């Protein structure tokens, strides 16, 4: 396979670096998706073919991990979940204006860097719950 690719590239006006740059730009623009391992491909197929099952599987995993999925209820439309594998330094872009970068992974803990417009609130779930509880208290008072 390497030899075939090598022969193709020898006669081509573009090289491997050009191809890599093109793919990187398309991924960054959200126009191209790379699923390099079997688990990622299986999750993507499940998301496309049975999004509710994927959500249910993710909810079961979260419940087993002690997270209460009902603390952040999702509408039926929101329940399809894209599961993305990223490595340190890689970025996810949401709606063109929110960037989430994996900063580090140590001892099972993932640290993210989040860039979002100032009008977008970003909170950990426990902070979000406290904010909502305070808002509810104020409404009742």
C-alpha atoms as a PDB file:
ATOM      1  CA  UNK A   1       0.000   0.000   0.000  1.00  0.00           C
ATOM      2  CA  UNK A   2       2.813   2.434   0.891  1.00  0.00           C
ATOM      3  CA  UNK A   3       4.482   1.746  -2.443  1.00  0.00           C
ATOM      4  CA  UNK A   4       1.257   2.441  -4.352  1.00  0.00           C
ATOM      5  CA  UNK A   5       0.723   5.723  -2.500  1.00  0.00           C
ATOM      6  CA  UNK A   6       4.368   6.641  -3.090  1.00  0.00           C
ATOM      7  CA  UNK A   7       4.038   6.076  -6.837  1.00  0.00           C
ATOM      8  CA  UNK A   8       0.838   8.115  -6.950  1.00  0.00           C
ATOM      9  CA  UNK A   9       2.454  11.011  -5.110  1.00  0.00           C
ATOM     10  CA  UNK A  10       5.638  10.950  -7.254  1.00  0.00           C
ATOM     11  CA  UNK A  11       3.694  11.949 -10.346  1.00  0.00           C
ATOM     12  CA  UNK A  12       1.347  14.322  -8.561  1.00  0.00           C
ATOM     13  CA  UNK A  13       1.563  18.122  -8.465  1.00  0.00           C
ATOM     14  CA  UNK A  14       0.687  17.938  -4.745  1.00  0.00           C
ATOM     15  CA  UNK A  15       2.559  16.159  -1.969  1.00  0.00           C
ATOM     16  CA  UNK A  16       1.591  14.453   1.286  1.00  0.00           C
ATOM     17  CA  UNK A  17       2.021  17.719   3.227  1.00  0.00           C
ATOM     18  CA  UNK A  18      -0.462  19.431   0.872  1.00  0.00           C
ATOM     19  CA  UNK A  19      -2.970  16.643   1.425  1.00  0.00           C
ATOM     20  CA  UNK A  20      -2.500  16.744   5.192  1.00  0.00           C
ATOM     21  CA  UNK A  21      -2.940  20.533   5.199  1.00  0.00           C
ATOM     22  CA  UNK A  22      -6.146  20.238   3.148  1.00  0.00           C
ATOM     23  CA  UNK A  23      -7.583  17.585   5.479  1.00  0.00           C
ATOM     24  CA  UNK A  24      -6.603  19.619   8.563  1.00  0.00           C
ATOM     25  CA  UNK A  25      -8.307  22.732   7.145  1.00  0.00           C
ATOM     26  CA  UNK A  26     -11.478  20.794   6.286  1.00  0.00           C
ATOM     27  CA  UNK A  27     -11.593  19.194   9.746  1.00  0.00           C
ATOM     28  CA  UNK A  28     -11.115  22.623  11.369  1.00  0.00           C
ATOM     29  CA  UNK A  29     -13.961  23.985   9.229  1.00  0.00           C
ATOM     30  CA  UNK A  30     -16.198  21.095  10.270  1.00  0.00           C
ATOM     31  CA  UNK A  31     -16.451  19.841   6.682  1.00  0.00           C
ATOM     32  CA  UNK A  32     -14.532  16.617   7.153  1.00  0.00           C
ATOM     33  CA  UNK A  33     -14.689  13.938   9.830  1.00  0.00           C
ATOM     34  CA  UNK A  34     -11.925  11.490  10.688  1.00  0.00           C
ATOM     35  CA  UNK A  35     -12.796   8.368  12.687  1.00  0.00           C
ATOM     36  CA  UNK A  36      -9.416   6.667  13.002  1.00  0.00           C
ATOM     37  CA  UNK A  37     -10.322   3.723  15.211  1.00  0.00           C
ATOM     38  CA  UNK A  38     -13.000   1.043  15.246  1.00  0.00           C
ATOM     39  CA  UNK A  39     -14.719   2.317  18.410  1.00  0.00           C
ATOM     40  CA  UNK A  40     -15.136   5.749  16.828  1.00  0.00           C
ATOM     41  CA  UNK A  41     -16.574   4.294  13.645  1.00  0.00           C
ATOM     42  CA  UNK A  42     -19.004   2.139  15.624  1.00  0.00           C
ATOM     43  CA  UNK A  43     -20.150   5.114  17.719  1.00  0.00           C
ATOM     44  CA  UNK A  44     -20.652   7.201  14.564  1.00  0.00           C
ATOM     45  CA  UNK A  45     -22.713   4.445  12.903  1.00  0.00           C
ATOM     46  CA  UNK A  46     -24.800   4.082  16.043  1.00  0.00           C
ATOM     47  CA  UNK A  47     -25.359   7.861  16.207  1.00  0.00           C
ATOM     48  CA  UNK A  48     -26.519   7.920  12.585  1.00  0.00           C
ATOM     49  CA  UNK A  49     -28.637   4.784  12.651  1.00  0.00           C
ATOM     50  CA  UNK A  50     -29.989   4.694  16.209  1.00  0.00           C
ATOM     51  CA  UNK A  51     -29.399   7.997  18.032  1.00  0.00           C
ATOM     52  CA  UNK A  52     -31.836   7.165  20.834  1.00  0.00           C
ATOM     53  CA  UNK A  53     -29.983   3.923  21.567  1.00  0.00           C
ATOM     54  CA  UNK A  54     -26.691   5.815  21.685  1.00  0.00           C
ATOM     55  CA  UNK A  55     -28.203   8.347  24.088  1.00  0.00           C
ATOM     56  CA  UNK A  56     -29.584   5.524  26.238  1.00  0.00           C
ATOM     57  CA  UNK A  57     -26.189   3.795  26.276  1.00  0.00           C
ATOM     58  CA  UNK A  58     -24.479   7.070  27.249  1.00  0.00           C
ATOM     59  CA  UNK A  59     -27.104   7.704  29.948  1.00  0.00           C
ATOM     60  CA  UNK A  60     -26.515   4.203  31.344  1.00  0.00           C
ATOM     61  CA  UNK A  61     -22.762   4.786  31.417  1.00  0.00           C
ATOM     62  CA  UNK A  62     -23.237   8.154  33.132  1.00  0.00           C
ATOM     63  CA  UNK A  63     -25.601   6.635  35.699  1.00  0.00           C
ATOM     64  CA  UNK A  64     -23.066   3.914  36.470  1.00  0.00           C
ATOM     65  CA  UNK A  65     -20.430   6.630  36.923  1.00  0.00           C
ATOM     66  CA  UNK A  66     -22.663   8.390  39.465  1.00  0.00           C
ATOM     67  CA  UNK A  67     -23.865  11.212  37.242  1.00  0.00           C
ATOM     68  CA  UNK A  68     -27.565  12.006  37.324  1.00  0.00           C
ATOM     69  CA  UNK A  69     -28.546  12.465  33.688  1.00  0.00           C
ATOM     70  CA  UNK A  70     -31.908  13.915  34.725  1.00  0.00           C
ATOM     71  CA  UNK A  71     -30.079  16.871  36.321  1.00  0.00           C
ATOM     72  CA  UNK A  72     -29.640  18.265  32.841  1.00  0.00           C
ATOM     73  CA  UNK A  73     -32.742  17.111  30.973  1.00  0.00           C
ATOM     74  CA  UNK A  74     -32.574  17.023  27.204  1.00  0.00           C
ATOM     75  CA  UNK A  75     -35.447  17.415  24.828  1.00  0.00           C
ATOM     76  CA  UNK A  76     -36.184  14.519  22.483  1.00  0.00           C
ATOM     77  CA  UNK A  77     -34.503  16.461  19.689  1.00  0.00           C
ATOM     78  CA  UNK A  78     -31.328  17.049  21.710  1.00  0.00           C
ATOM     79  CA  UNK A  79     -30.869  13.414  22.683  1.00  0.00           C
ATOM     80  CA  UNK A  80     -28.719  12.416  19.747  1.00  0.00           C
ATOM     81  CA  UNK A  81     -25.177  12.757  21.040  1.00  0.00           C
ATOM     82  CA  UNK A  82     -22.016  13.007  18.989  1.00  0.00           C
ATOM     83  CA  UNK A  83     -19.222  11.174  20.771  1.00  0.00           C
ATOM     84  CA  UNK A  84     -15.829  12.492  19.698  1.00  0.00           C
ATOM     85  CA  UNK A  85     -12.401  11.181  20.589  1.00  0.00           C
ATOM     86  CA  UNK A  86      -9.756  13.885  20.821  1.00  0.00           C
ATOM     87  CA  UNK A  87      -6.140  13.918  21.913  1.00  0.00           C
ATOM     88  CA  UNK A  88      -4.252  16.598  23.853  1.00  0.00           C
ATOM     89  CA  UNK A  89      -4.046  19.769  21.766  1.00  0.00           C
ATOM     90  CA  UNK A  90      -6.941  18.871  19.494  1.00  0.00           C
ATOM     91  CA  UNK A  91      -9.980  21.155  19.229  1.00  0.00           C
ATOM     92  CA  UNK A  92     -13.731  20.815  18.808  1.00  0.00           C
ATOM     93  CA  UNK A  93     -15.666  23.750  17.311  1.00  0.00           C
ATOM     94  CA  UNK A  94     -19.332  24.307  18.192  1.00  0.00           C
ATOM     95  CA  UNK A  95     -21.504  26.554  16.043  1.00  0.00           C
ATOM     96  CA  UNK A  96     -18.445  28.319  14.627  1.00  0.00           C
ATOM     97  CA  UNK A  97     -17.908  30.442  17.746  1.00  0.00           C
ATOM     98  CA  UNK A  98     -17.114  28.073  20.596  1.00  0.00           C
ATOM     99  CA  UNK A  99     -13.807  26.206  20.667  1.00  0.00           C
ATOM    100  CA  UNK A 100     -13.061  23.430  23.141  1.00  0.00           C
ATOM    101  CA  UNK A 101      -9.460  22.238  23.298  1.00  0.00           C
ATOM    102  CA  UNK A 102      -8.182  19.213  25.193  1.00  0.00           C
ATOM    103  CA  UNK A 103      -5.404  20.658  27.364  1.00  0.00           C
ATOM    104  CA  UNK A 104      -4.300  17.570  29.293  1.00  0.00           C
ATOM    105  CA  UNK A 105      -5.305  14.088  30.367  1.00  0.00           C
ATOM    106  CA  UNK A 106      -3.823  12.849  33.637  1.00  0.00           C
ATOM    107  CA  UNK A 107      -4.968  10.093  35.989  1.00  0.00           C
ATOM    108  CA  UNK A 108      -8.362   9.845  34.330  1.00  0.00           C
ATOM    109  CA  UNK A 109      -8.984  13.605  34.543  1.00  0.00           C
ATOM    110  CA  UNK A 110      -9.411  15.656  31.364  1.00  0.00           C
ATOM    111  CA  UNK A 111      -8.715  19.395  31.376  1.00  0.00           C
ATOM    112  CA  UNK A 112     -10.351  21.538  28.696  1.00  0.00           C
ATOM    113  CA  UNK A 113      -9.699  25.042  27.454  1.00  0.00           C
ATOM    114  CA  UNK A 114     -12.879  26.776  26.279  1.00  0.00           C
ATOM    115  CA  UNK A 115     -13.055  29.887  24.102  1.00  0.00           C
ATOM    116  CA  UNK A 116     -16.552  31.317  23.710  1.00  0.00           C
ATOM    117  CA  UNK A 117     -18.110  34.703  23.007  1.00  0.00           C
ATOM    118  CA  UNK A 118     -18.614  36.795  26.140  1.00  0.00           C
ATOM    119  CA  UNK A 119     -22.405  36.459  25.885  1.00  0.00           C
ATOM    120  CA  UNK A 120     -22.189  32.637  26.114  1.00  0.00           C
ATOM    121  CA  UNK A 121     -22.173  31.309  29.659  1.00  0.00           C
ATOM    122  CA  UNK A 122     -19.925  28.303  30.269  1.00  0.00           C
ATOM    123  CA  UNK A 123     -20.242  26.413  33.558  1.00  0.00           C
ATOM    124  CA  UNK A 124     -19.419  23.053  35.078  1.00  0.00           C
ATOM    125  CA  UNK A 125     -22.681  21.167  35.735  1.00  0.00           C
ATOM    126  CA  UNK A 126     -22.465  21.619  39.532  1.00  0.00           C
ATOM    127  CA  UNK A 127     -22.143  25.413  39.122  1.00  0.00           C
ATOM    128  CA  UNK A 128     -24.971  25.440  36.571  1.00  0.00           C
ATOM    129  CA  UNK A 129     -27.227  23.575  39.024  1.00  0.00           C
ATOM    130  CA  UNK A 130     -26.498  26.123  41.782  1.00  0.00           C
ATOM    131  CA  UNK A 131     -27.252  29.023  39.444  1.00  0.00           C
ATOM    132  CA  UNK A 132     -30.561  27.447  38.412  1.00  0.00           C
ATOM    133  CA  UNK A 133     -31.470  26.710  42.054  1.00  0.00           C
ATOM    134  CA  UNK A 134     -30.790  30.344  43.020  1.00  0.00           C
ATOM    135  CA  UNK A 135     -32.857  31.560  40.068  1.00  0.00           C
ATOM    136  CA  UNK A 136     -35.719  29.309  41.177  1.00  0.00           C
ATOM    137  CA  UNK A 137     -35.473  30.628  44.766  1.00  0.00           C
ATOM    138  CA  UNK A 138     -35.618  34.218  43.512  1.00  0.00           C
ATOM    139  CA  UNK A 139     -38.681  33.440  41.386  1.00  0.00           C
ATOM    140  CA  UNK A 140     -40.474  31.953  44.392  1.00  0.00           C
ATOM    141  CA  UNK A 141     -39.631  34.879  46.675  1.00  0.00           C
END
